[in-house]
């Protein structure tokens, strides 16, 4: 196993996923969103996630 130095480590690489997996998870999220918007409850009481992007400040 090759050891990674802090100089070679790129944190954003840890969050990259394949396009296929991204598409599958996106479809699941869209289905869940549609169910929630139509008032259909989840029997297992799952948690909701919120992801936001801060707008650029122009500085």
PDB file of N, CA and C in Angstrom:
ATOM      1  N   UNK A   1       0.851  -1.175   0.000  1.00  0.00           N
ATOM      2  CA  UNK A   1       0.000   0.000   0.000  1.00  0.00           C
ATOM      3  C   UNK A   1       0.895   1.236   0.000  1.00  0.00           C
ATOM      4  N   UNK A   2       0.645   2.128  -0.939  1.00  0.00           N
ATOM      5  CA  UNK A   2       1.444   3.342  -1.041  1.00  0.00           C
ATOM      6  C   UNK A   2       0.926   4.387  -0.059  1.00  0.00           C
ATOM      7  N   UNK A   3       1.823   4.992   0.642  1.00  0.00           N
ATOM      8  CA  UNK A   3       1.462   6.015   1.612  1.00  0.00           C
ATOM      9  C   UNK A   3       1.319   7.361   0.921  1.00  0.00           C
ATOM     10  N   UNK A   4       0.246   8.078   1.191  1.00  0.00           N
ATOM     11  CA  UNK A   4       0.007   9.388   0.593  1.00  0.00           C
ATOM     12  C   UNK A   4       0.516  10.470   1.527  1.00  0.00           C
ATOM     13  N   UNK A   5       1.287  11.372   0.987  1.00  0.00           N
ATOM     14  CA  UNK A   5       1.764  12.493   1.797  1.00  0.00           C
ATOM     15  C   UNK A   5       0.719  13.591   1.781  1.00  0.00           C
ATOM     16  N   UNK A   6       0.781  14.495   2.744  1.00  0.00           N
ATOM     17  CA  UNK A   6      -0.185  15.589   2.802  1.00  0.00           C
ATOM     18  C   UNK A   6      -0.064  16.481   1.565  1.00  0.00           C
ATOM     19  N   UNK A   7       1.099  16.492   0.949  1.00  0.00           N
ATOM     20  CA  UNK A   7       1.314  17.299  -0.244  1.00  0.00           C
ATOM     21  C   UNK A   7       0.558  16.700  -1.436  1.00  0.00           C
ATOM     22  N   UNK A   8       0.410  15.363  -1.480  1.00  0.00           N
ATOM     23  CA  UNK A   8      -0.271  14.691  -2.578  1.00  0.00           C
ATOM     24  C   UNK A   8      -1.776  14.515  -2.344  1.00  0.00           C
ATOM     25  N   UNK A   9      -2.221  14.699  -1.126  1.00  0.00           N
ATOM     26  CA  UNK A   9      -3.612  14.437  -0.767  1.00  0.00           C
ATOM     27  C   UNK A   9      -4.526  15.555  -1.245  1.00  0.00           C
ATOM     28  N   UNK A  10      -5.612  15.172  -1.924  1.00  0.00           N
ATOM     29  CA  UNK A  10      -6.601  16.143  -2.391  1.00  0.00           C
ATOM     30  C   UNK A  10      -7.958  15.717  -1.842  1.00  0.00           C
ATOM     31  N   UNK A  11      -8.475  16.469  -0.897  1.00  0.00           N
ATOM     32  CA  UNK A  11      -9.710  16.115  -0.205  1.00  0.00           C
ATOM     33  C   UNK A  11     -10.888  15.955  -1.161  1.00  0.00           C
ATOM     34  N   UNK A  12     -11.020  16.796  -2.152  1.00  0.00           N
ATOM     35  CA  UNK A  12     -12.163  16.735  -3.062  1.00  0.00           C
ATOM     36  C   UNK A  12     -12.225  15.417  -3.820  1.00  0.00           C
ATOM     37  N   UNK A  13     -11.100  14.740  -3.984  1.00  0.00           N
ATOM     38  CA  UNK A  13     -11.096  13.437  -4.659  1.00  0.00           C
ATOM     39  C   UNK A  13     -11.886  12.398  -3.859  1.00  0.00           C
ATOM     40  N   UNK A  14     -11.984  12.582  -2.550  1.00  0.00           N
ATOM     41  CA  UNK A  14     -12.715  11.646  -1.699  1.00  0.00           C
ATOM     42  C   UNK A  14     -14.212  11.660  -1.991  1.00  0.00           C
ATOM     43  N   UNK A  15     -14.720  12.742  -2.583  1.00  0.00           N
ATOM     44  CA  UNK A  15     -16.146  12.895  -2.808  1.00  0.00           C
ATOM     45  C   UNK A  15     -16.566  12.655  -4.256  1.00  0.00           C
ATOM     46  N   UNK A  16     -15.657  12.279  -5.124  1.00  0.00           N
ATOM     47  CA  UNK A  16     -15.992  11.997  -6.503  1.00  0.00           C
ATOM     48  C   UNK A  16     -16.646  10.621  -6.615  1.00  0.00           C
ATOM     49  N   UNK A  17     -17.749  10.559  -7.374  1.00  0.00           N
ATOM     50  CA  UNK A  17     -18.407   9.280  -7.627  1.00  0.00           C
ATOM     51  C   UNK A  17     -18.609   9.148  -9.132  1.00  0.00           C
ATOM     52  N   UNK A  18     -18.881   7.960  -9.573  1.00  0.00           N
ATOM     53  CA  UNK A  18     -19.065   7.719 -11.002  1.00  0.00           C
ATOM     54  C   UNK A  18     -20.344   8.376 -11.501  1.00  0.00           C
ATOM     55  N   UNK A  19     -20.410   8.624 -12.798  1.00  0.00           N
ATOM     56  CA  UNK A  19     -21.605   9.232 -13.384  1.00  0.00           C
ATOM     57  C   UNK A  19     -22.813   8.313 -13.232  1.00  0.00           C
ATOM     58  N   UNK A  20     -22.591   7.017 -13.359  1.00  0.00           N
ATOM     59  CA  UNK A  20     -23.690   6.063 -13.221  1.00  0.00           C
ATOM     60  C   UNK A  20     -24.265   6.116 -11.811  1.00  0.00           C
ATOM     61  N   UNK A  21     -23.418   6.055 -10.806  1.00  0.00           N
ATOM     62  CA  UNK A  21     -23.884   6.103  -9.423  1.00  0.00           C
ATOM     63  C   UNK A  21     -24.568   7.432  -9.137  1.00  0.00           C
ATOM     64  N   UNK A  22     -24.031   8.523  -9.663  1.00  0.00           N
ATOM     65  CA  UNK A  22     -24.634   9.835  -9.483  1.00  0.00           C
ATOM     66  C   UNK A  22     -26.037   9.862 -10.082  1.00  0.00           C
ATOM     67  N   UNK A  23     -26.201   9.274 -11.264  1.00  0.00           N
ATOM     68  CA  UNK A  23     -27.504   9.243 -11.916  1.00  0.00           C
ATOM     69  C   UNK A  23     -28.500   8.398 -11.120  1.00  0.00           C
ATOM     70  N   UNK A  24     -28.061   7.244 -10.635  1.00  0.00           N
ATOM     71  CA  UNK A  24     -28.942   6.361  -9.850  1.00  0.00           C
ATOM     72  C   UNK A  24     -29.391   7.064  -8.570  1.00  0.00           C
ATOM     73  N   UNK A  25     -28.454   7.646  -7.856  1.00  0.00           N
ATOM     74  CA  UNK A  25     -28.806   8.340  -6.612  1.00  0.00           C
ATOM     75  C   UNK A  25     -29.684   9.559  -6.890  1.00  0.00           C
ATOM     76  N   UNK A  26     -29.462  10.220  -8.010  1.00  0.00           N
ATOM     77  CA  UNK A  26     -30.298  11.352  -8.390  1.00  0.00           C
ATOM     78  C   UNK A  26     -31.734  10.938  -8.637  1.00  0.00           C
ATOM     79  N   UNK A  27     -31.926   9.777  -9.278  1.00  0.00           N
ATOM     80  CA  UNK A  27     -33.277   9.266  -9.518  1.00  0.00           C
ATOM     81  C   UNK A  27     -33.966   8.900  -8.204  1.00  0.00           C
ATOM     82  N   UNK A  28     -33.231   8.296  -7.302  1.00  0.00           N
ATOM     83  CA  UNK A  28     -33.797   7.947  -5.997  1.00  0.00           C
ATOM     84  C   UNK A  28     -34.218   9.206  -5.249  1.00  0.00           C
ATOM     85  N   UNK A  29     -33.371  10.208  -5.265  1.00  0.00           N
ATOM     86  CA  UNK A  29     -33.679  11.474  -4.595  1.00  0.00           C
ATOM     87  C   UNK A  29     -34.906  12.130  -5.218  1.00  0.00           C
ATOM     88  N   UNK A  30     -35.010  12.100  -6.550  1.00  0.00           N
ATOM     89  CA  UNK A  30     -36.168  12.688  -7.228  1.00  0.00           C
ATOM     90  C   UNK A  30     -37.459  11.963  -6.835  1.00  0.00           C
ATOM     91  N   UNK A  31     -37.396  10.642  -6.734  1.00  0.00           N
ATOM     92  CA  UNK A  31     -38.572   9.870  -6.329  1.00  0.00           C
ATOM     93  C   UNK A  31     -38.977  10.203  -4.889  1.00  0.00           C
ATOM     94  N   UNK A  32     -38.003  10.283  -4.003  1.00  0.00           N
ATOM     95  CA  UNK A  32     -38.289  10.626  -2.610  1.00  0.00           C
ATOM     96  C   UNK A  32     -38.889  12.028  -2.523  1.00  0.00           C
ATOM     97  N   UNK A  33     -38.323  12.959  -3.281  1.00  0.00           N
ATOM     98  CA  UNK A  33     -38.826  14.337  -3.279  1.00  0.00           C
ATOM     99  C   UNK A  33     -40.282  14.373  -3.748  1.00  0.00           C
ATOM    100  N   UNK A  34     -40.605  13.620  -4.799  1.00  0.00           N
ATOM    101  CA  UNK A  34     -41.974  13.576  -5.308  1.00  0.00           C
ATOM    102  C   UNK A  34     -42.933  13.015  -4.258  1.00  0.00           C
ATOM    103  N   UNK A  35     -42.514  11.979  -3.561  1.00  0.00           N
ATOM    104  CA  UNK A  35     -43.359  11.409  -2.512  1.00  0.00           C
ATOM    105  C   UNK A  35     -43.609  12.413  -1.394  1.00  0.00           C
ATOM    106  N   UNK A  36     -42.565  13.106  -0.973  1.00  0.00           N
ATOM    107  CA  UNK A  36     -42.686  14.095   0.109  1.00  0.00           C
ATOM    108  C   UNK A  36     -43.587  15.242  -0.321  1.00  0.00           C
ATOM    109  N   UNK A  37     -43.409  15.736  -1.553  1.00  0.00           N
ATOM    110  CA  UNK A  37     -44.229  16.845  -2.049  1.00  0.00           C
ATOM    111  C   UNK A  37     -45.705  16.464  -2.140  1.00  0.00           C
ATOM    112  N   UNK A  38     -46.000  15.196  -2.351  1.00  0.00           N
ATOM    113  CA  UNK A  38     -47.379  14.735  -2.442  1.00  0.00           C
ATOM    114  C   UNK A  38     -47.947  14.277  -1.092  1.00  0.00           C
ATOM    115  N   UNK A  39     -47.191  14.510  -0.030  1.00  0.00           N
ATOM    116  CA  UNK A  39     -47.685  14.213   1.312  1.00  0.00           C
ATOM    117  C   UNK A  39     -47.670  12.755   1.698  1.00  0.00           C
ATOM    118  N   UNK A  40     -46.910  11.955   0.993  1.00  0.00           N
ATOM    119  CA  UNK A  40     -46.835  10.532   1.324  1.00  0.00           C
ATOM    120  C   UNK A  40     -45.738  10.333   2.371  1.00  0.00           C
ATOM    121  N   UNK A  41     -46.096   9.859   3.558  1.00  0.00           N
ATOM    122  CA  UNK A  41     -45.100   9.693   4.622  1.00  0.00           C
ATOM    123  C   UNK A  41     -44.247   8.433   4.406  1.00  0.00           C
ATOM    124  N   UNK A  42     -43.074   8.469   4.932  1.00  0.00           N
ATOM    125  CA  UNK A  42     -42.198   7.295   4.918  1.00  0.00           C
ATOM    126  C   UNK A  42     -42.421   6.523   6.211  1.00  0.00           C
ATOM    127  N   UNK A  43     -42.695   5.221   6.123  1.00  0.00           N
ATOM    128  CA  UNK A  43     -42.984   4.454   7.337  1.00  0.00           C
ATOM    129  C   UNK A  43     -41.792   4.341   8.284  1.00  0.00           C
ATOM    130  N   UNK A  44     -40.586   4.413   7.763  1.00  0.00           N
ATOM    131  CA  UNK A  44     -39.405   4.256   8.620  1.00  0.00           C
ATOM    132  C   UNK A  44     -38.912   5.592   9.166  1.00  0.00           C
ATOM    133  N   UNK A  45     -39.583   6.665   8.810  1.00  0.00           N
ATOM    134  CA  UNK A  45     -39.206   8.011   9.280  1.00  0.00           C
ATOM    135  C   UNK A  45     -37.742   8.323   8.977  1.00  0.00           C
ATOM    136  N   UNK A  46     -37.398   8.318   7.706  1.00  0.00           N
ATOM    137  CA  UNK A  46     -36.037   8.622   7.279  1.00  0.00           C
ATOM    138  C   UNK A  46     -35.684  10.077   7.524  1.00  0.00           C
ATOM    139  N   UNK A  47     -34.440  10.383   7.429  1.00  0.00           N
ATOM    140  CA  UNK A  47     -33.990  11.754   7.623  1.00  0.00           C
ATOM    141  C   UNK A  47     -33.944  12.479   6.285  1.00  0.00           C
ATOM    142  N   UNK A  48     -34.036  13.790   6.326  1.00  0.00           N
ATOM    143  CA  UNK A  48     -33.955  14.620   5.136  1.00  0.00           C
ATOM    144  C   UNK A  48     -32.597  15.305   5.105  1.00  0.00           C
ATOM    145  N   UNK A  49     -32.048  15.470   3.923  1.00  0.00           N
ATOM    146  CA  UNK A  49     -30.764  16.154   3.772  1.00  0.00           C
ATOM    147  C   UNK A  49     -30.984  17.453   3.020  1.00  0.00           C
ATOM    148  N   UNK A  50     -30.191  18.438   3.338  1.00  0.00           N
ATOM    149  CA  UNK A  50     -30.240  19.713   2.645  1.00  0.00           C
ATOM    150  C   UNK A  50     -28.836  20.043   2.192  1.00  0.00           C
ATOM    151  N   UNK A  51     -28.716  20.316   0.908  1.00  0.00           N
ATOM    152  CA  UNK A  51     -27.423  20.707   0.356  1.00  0.00           C
ATOM    153  C   UNK A  51     -27.620  22.048  -0.314  1.00  0.00           C
ATOM    154  N   UNK A  52     -26.806  23.002   0.029  1.00  0.00           N
ATOM    155  CA  UNK A  52     -26.927  24.343  -0.526  1.00  0.00           C
ATOM    156  C   UNK A  52     -25.576  24.814  -1.045  1.00  0.00           C
ATOM    157  N   UNK A  53     -25.617  25.763  -1.958  1.00  0.00           N
ATOM    158  CA  UNK A  53     -24.397  26.353  -2.491  1.00  0.00           C
ATOM    159  C   UNK A  53     -24.458  27.844  -2.229  1.00  0.00           C
ATOM    160  N   UNK A  54     -23.441  28.356  -1.584  1.00  0.00           N
ATOM    161  CA  UNK A  54     -23.380  29.773  -1.263  1.00  0.00           C
ATOM    162  C   UNK A  54     -23.056  30.558  -2.532  1.00  0.00           C
ATOM    163  N   UNK A  55     -23.812  31.625  -2.835  1.00  0.00           N
ATOM    164  CA  UNK A  55     -23.511  32.402  -4.024  1.00  0.00           C
ATOM    165  C   UNK A  55     -22.187  33.145  -3.867  1.00  0.00           C
ATOM    166  N   UNK A  56     -21.543  33.388  -4.993  1.00  0.00           N
ATOM    167  CA  UNK A  56     -20.269  34.112  -4.981  1.00  0.00           C
ATOM    168  C   UNK A  56     -20.495  35.544  -4.485  1.00  0.00           C
ATOM    169  N   UNK A  57     -19.550  36.054  -3.696  1.00  0.00           N
ATOM    170  CA  UNK A  57     -19.691  37.396  -3.143  1.00  0.00           C
ATOM    171  C   UNK A  57     -19.082  38.462  -4.047  1.00  0.00           C
ATOM    172  N   UNK A  58     -18.283  38.051  -5.005  1.00  0.00           N
ATOM    173  CA  UNK A  58     -17.669  38.998  -5.932  1.00  0.00           C
ATOM    174  C   UNK A  58     -16.448  39.724  -5.377  1.00  0.00           C
ATOM    175  N   UNK A  59     -15.905  39.235  -4.294  1.00  0.00           N
ATOM    176  CA  UNK A  59     -14.730  39.895  -3.692  1.00  0.00           C
ATOM    177  C   UNK A  59     -13.451  39.387  -4.273  1.00  0.00           C
TER     178      UNK A  59
END
